[in-house]
N, C-alpha and C. Protein backbone atom coordinates (compact mmCIF):
# COMPACT_ATOMS: atom_id res chain seq x y z
N UNK A 1 17.91 1.68 24.12
CA UNK A 1 17.40 1.23 23.08
C UNK A 1 15.91 0.71 23.68
N UNK A 2 14.89 1.35 22.75
CA UNK A 2 13.50 1.27 23.29
C UNK A 2 13.02 -0.05 21.97
N UNK A 3 12.06 -0.80 22.92
CA UNK A 3 11.32 -1.93 21.89
C UNK A 3 10.16 -1.47 22.11
N UNK A 4 9.65 -1.38 20.85
CA UNK A 4 8.12 -1.44 20.45
C UNK A 4 7.39 -2.47 19.51
N UNK A 5 5.98 -2.48 20.19
CA UNK A 5 5.58 -3.17 18.98
C UNK A 5 4.27 -2.87 18.32
N UNK A 6 4.59 -2.64 16.90
CA UNK A 6 3.34 -2.07 16.30
C UNK A 6 2.44 -3.01 15.65
N UNK A 7 1.08 -2.86 15.64
CA UNK A 7 0.21 -3.48 15.27
C UNK A 7 -0.08 -2.90 13.52
N UNK A 8 -0.10 -3.51 12.78
CA UNK A 8 0.06 -3.44 11.09
C UNK A 8 -1.21 -4.01 10.58
N UNK A 9 -2.28 -3.63 10.47
CA UNK A 9 -3.35 -4.56 9.75
C UNK A 9 -3.16 -5.13 8.28
N UNK A 10 -2.50 -4.09 7.51
CA UNK A 10 -2.37 -4.48 5.77
C UNK A 10 -1.31 -5.69 5.61
N UNK A 11 -0.47 -6.16 6.99
CA UNK A 11 0.37 -7.54 6.60
C UNK A 11 -0.25 -8.43 6.29
N UNK A 12 -0.05 -9.18 5.30
CA UNK A 12 -1.00 -10.64 5.02
C UNK A 12 0.05 -11.46 4.00
N UNK A 13 1.15 -11.21 4.24
CA UNK A 13 1.93 -12.11 3.52
C UNK A 13 3.56 -12.09 3.84
N UNK A 14 4.09 -13.16 3.47
CA UNK A 14 5.65 -12.61 3.75
C UNK A 14 6.14 -11.72 2.78
N UNK A 15 5.46 -11.29 1.63
CA UNK A 15 6.07 -10.26 0.49
C UNK A 15 5.91 -8.88 1.80
N UNK A 16 4.82 -8.81 2.30
CA UNK A 16 4.89 -7.59 2.98
C UNK A 16 5.81 -7.36 4.35
N UNK A 17 6.24 -8.52 4.82
CA UNK A 17 6.87 -8.71 5.86
C UNK A 17 8.09 -7.98 5.05
N UNK A 18 8.64 -8.62 3.94
CA UNK A 18 9.84 -8.57 3.45
C UNK A 18 10.16 -6.72 2.94
N UNK A 19 8.94 -6.30 2.99
CA UNK A 19 9.09 -4.80 2.68
C UNK A 19 9.07 -3.91 3.54
N UNK A 20 8.47 -4.45 4.87
CA UNK A 20 8.57 -3.55 6.27
C UNK A 20 10.06 -3.87 6.80
N UNK A 21 10.19 -5.04 6.67
CA UNK A 21 11.86 -4.92 6.96
C UNK A 21 12.97 -4.21 6.24
N UNK A 22 12.37 -4.04 4.81
CA UNK A 22 13.88 -3.12 4.04
C UNK A 22 13.17 -1.77 4.44
N UNK A 23 12.29 -1.21 4.56
CA UNK A 23 12.42 -0.01 4.68
C UNK A 23 12.62 0.63 6.16
N UNK A 24 12.27 -0.39 7.20
CA UNK A 24 12.85 -0.40 8.74
C UNK A 24 14.43 -0.23 8.45
N UNK A 25 15.09 -1.28 7.99
CA UNK A 25 16.50 -1.13 7.91
C UNK A 25 17.30 -0.09 7.58
N UNK A 26 16.64 0.72 6.34
CA UNK A 26 17.47 1.95 5.73
C UNK A 26 16.84 2.93 6.94
N UNK A 27 16.21 2.75 8.33
CA UNK A 27 16.04 3.84 8.96
C UNK A 27 16.79 3.96 10.08
N UNK A 28 17.50 5.10 10.14
CA UNK A 28 18.43 5.26 11.11
C UNK A 28 18.22 5.45 12.67
N UNK A 29 18.92 4.25 13.40
CA UNK A 29 18.79 4.07 14.63
C UNK A 29 17.78 2.98 14.90
N UNK A 30 17.21 2.06 14.18
CA UNK A 30 16.58 0.89 14.28
C UNK A 30 17.44 -0.32 14.17
N UNK A 31 17.48 -0.85 14.70
CA UNK A 31 18.38 -2.04 14.84
C UNK A 31 17.58 -3.42 14.66
N UNK A 32 17.03 -4.21 15.55
CA UNK A 32 16.06 -5.48 15.51
C UNK A 32 14.89 -4.92 14.69
N UNK A 33 14.47 -5.77 13.83
CA UNK A 33 12.88 -5.88 13.21
C UNK A 33 12.69 -7.27 13.25
N UNK A 34 11.30 -7.68 13.59
CA UNK A 34 10.48 -9.25 13.66
C UNK A 34 9.16 -8.68 13.18
N UNK A 35 8.71 -9.31 12.10
CA UNK A 35 7.61 -9.20 11.48
C UNK A 35 6.88 -10.31 11.58
N UNK A 36 5.92 -10.33 12.21
CA UNK A 36 5.41 -11.66 12.67
C UNK A 36 3.75 -11.51 11.76
N UNK A 37 3.71 -12.13 10.52
CA UNK A 37 2.36 -11.95 9.53
C UNK A 37 1.33 -12.50 10.09
N UNK A 38 1.33 -13.69 10.97
CA UNK A 38 0.07 -14.13 11.72
C UNK A 38 -0.65 -13.50 12.83
N UNK A 39 0.04 -12.50 13.50
CA UNK A 39 -0.28 -11.41 14.31
C UNK A 39 -0.74 -10.23 13.94
N UNK A 40 -0.07 -9.85 12.47
CA UNK A 40 0.05 -8.31 11.60
C UNK A 40 0.48 -7.71 12.63
N UNK A 41 1.75 -7.80 13.56
CA UNK A 41 2.40 -6.95 14.30
C UNK A 41 4.11 -7.46 13.62
N UNK A 42 4.72 -5.70 14.30
CA UNK A 42 5.97 -5.57 14.10
C UNK A 42 6.62 -5.21 15.32
N UNK A 43 7.64 -5.67 15.85
CA UNK A 43 8.43 -5.68 16.99
C UNK A 43 9.97 -5.39 16.89
N UNK A 44 10.31 -3.73 16.92
CA UNK A 44 11.42 -3.68 16.62
C UNK A 44 12.12 -2.81 17.70
N UNK A 45 13.45 -2.29 17.62
CA UNK A 45 14.30 -1.74 18.44
C UNK A 45 15.03 -0.66 18.05
N UNK A 46 14.83 0.57 18.66
CA UNK A 46 15.55 1.62 17.80
C UNK A 46 16.21 2.44 19.08
N UNK A 47 17.17 3.17 18.74
CA UNK A 47 17.88 4.27 19.29
C UNK A 47 17.08 5.42 19.46
N UNK A 48 16.75 5.39 20.52
CA UNK A 48 16.03 7.07 20.28
C UNK A 48 16.80 8.40 20.54
N UNK A 49 17.97 8.35 20.64
CA UNK A 49 18.72 9.62 20.25
C UNK A 49 18.72 9.92 18.75
N UNK A 50 18.47 8.91 17.80
CA UNK A 50 18.67 8.50 16.40
C UNK A 50 17.23 8.97 15.77
N UNK A 51 16.06 8.26 16.43
CA UNK A 51 14.76 8.16 15.72
C UNK A 51 13.89 8.06 17.01
N UNK A 52 12.50 8.13 16.41
CA UNK A 52 11.42 7.97 17.56
C UNK A 52 10.25 7.13 17.22
N UNK A 53 9.49 7.01 17.87
CA UNK A 53 7.92 6.34 17.27
C UNK A 53 7.24 6.91 16.28
N UNK A 54 7.00 8.02 16.59
CA UNK A 54 6.50 8.31 15.64
C UNK A 54 6.90 8.82 13.77
N UNK A 55 8.14 8.92 14.09
CA UNK A 55 8.86 9.14 13.28
C UNK A 55 8.92 7.47 11.97
N UNK A 56 8.75 6.32 12.86
CA UNK A 56 9.13 5.23 12.40
C UNK A 56 7.26 4.97 11.88
N UNK A 57 6.66 5.30 12.54
CA UNK A 57 4.99 5.48 12.41
C UNK A 57 4.87 5.77 10.76
N UNK A 58 5.58 7.29 11.01
CA UNK A 58 5.56 8.04 9.25
C UNK A 58 6.25 6.94 8.47
N UNK A 59 7.05 6.50 8.57
CA UNK A 59 8.09 5.47 7.32
C UNK A 59 6.94 4.39 7.46
N UNK A 60 6.39 3.68 7.80
CA UNK A 60 5.56 2.71 7.71
C UNK A 60 4.27 3.37 6.91
N UNK A 61 3.72 4.33 7.36
CA UNK A 61 2.38 4.55 6.60
C UNK A 61 3.10 4.95 5.34
N UNK A 62 4.01 5.73 4.89
CA UNK A 62 4.58 5.96 3.70
C UNK A 62 4.94 4.73 2.80
N UNK A 63 5.16 3.97 3.71
CA UNK A 63 5.62 2.49 2.87
C UNK A 63 4.06 1.85 2.59
N UNK A 64 2.92 2.29 3.20
CA UNK A 64 1.76 1.65 2.48
C UNK A 64 1.20 0.77 3.79
N UNK A 65 2.12 0.41 4.93
CA UNK A 65 1.48 -0.08 6.12
C UNK A 65 1.68 0.74 7.13
N UNK A 66 0.33 1.63 7.65
CA UNK A 66 0.11 2.43 8.40
C UNK A 66 -0.17 1.44 10.01
N UNK A 67 0.35 1.71 10.63
CA UNK A 67 0.03 1.05 12.24
C UNK A 67 -0.95 1.53 12.81
N UNK A 68 -2.09 0.64 13.30
CA UNK A 68 -3.34 0.92 13.82
C UNK A 68 -2.89 1.72 15.24
């Protein structure tokens, strides 16, 4: 498992956090997801044999939450 923290400037509310959690929950290999609205950060664990950071960044961007 790899843990990564991404800064997402567009996180502004709990609804954003819920959207991010939903989209990442559908991503194969992603397990734990923690969204911190105040810090505008997402911390998640993923299995590097199933996905990678670039795929996760692309998914977040497509969902309207591009990482900085």
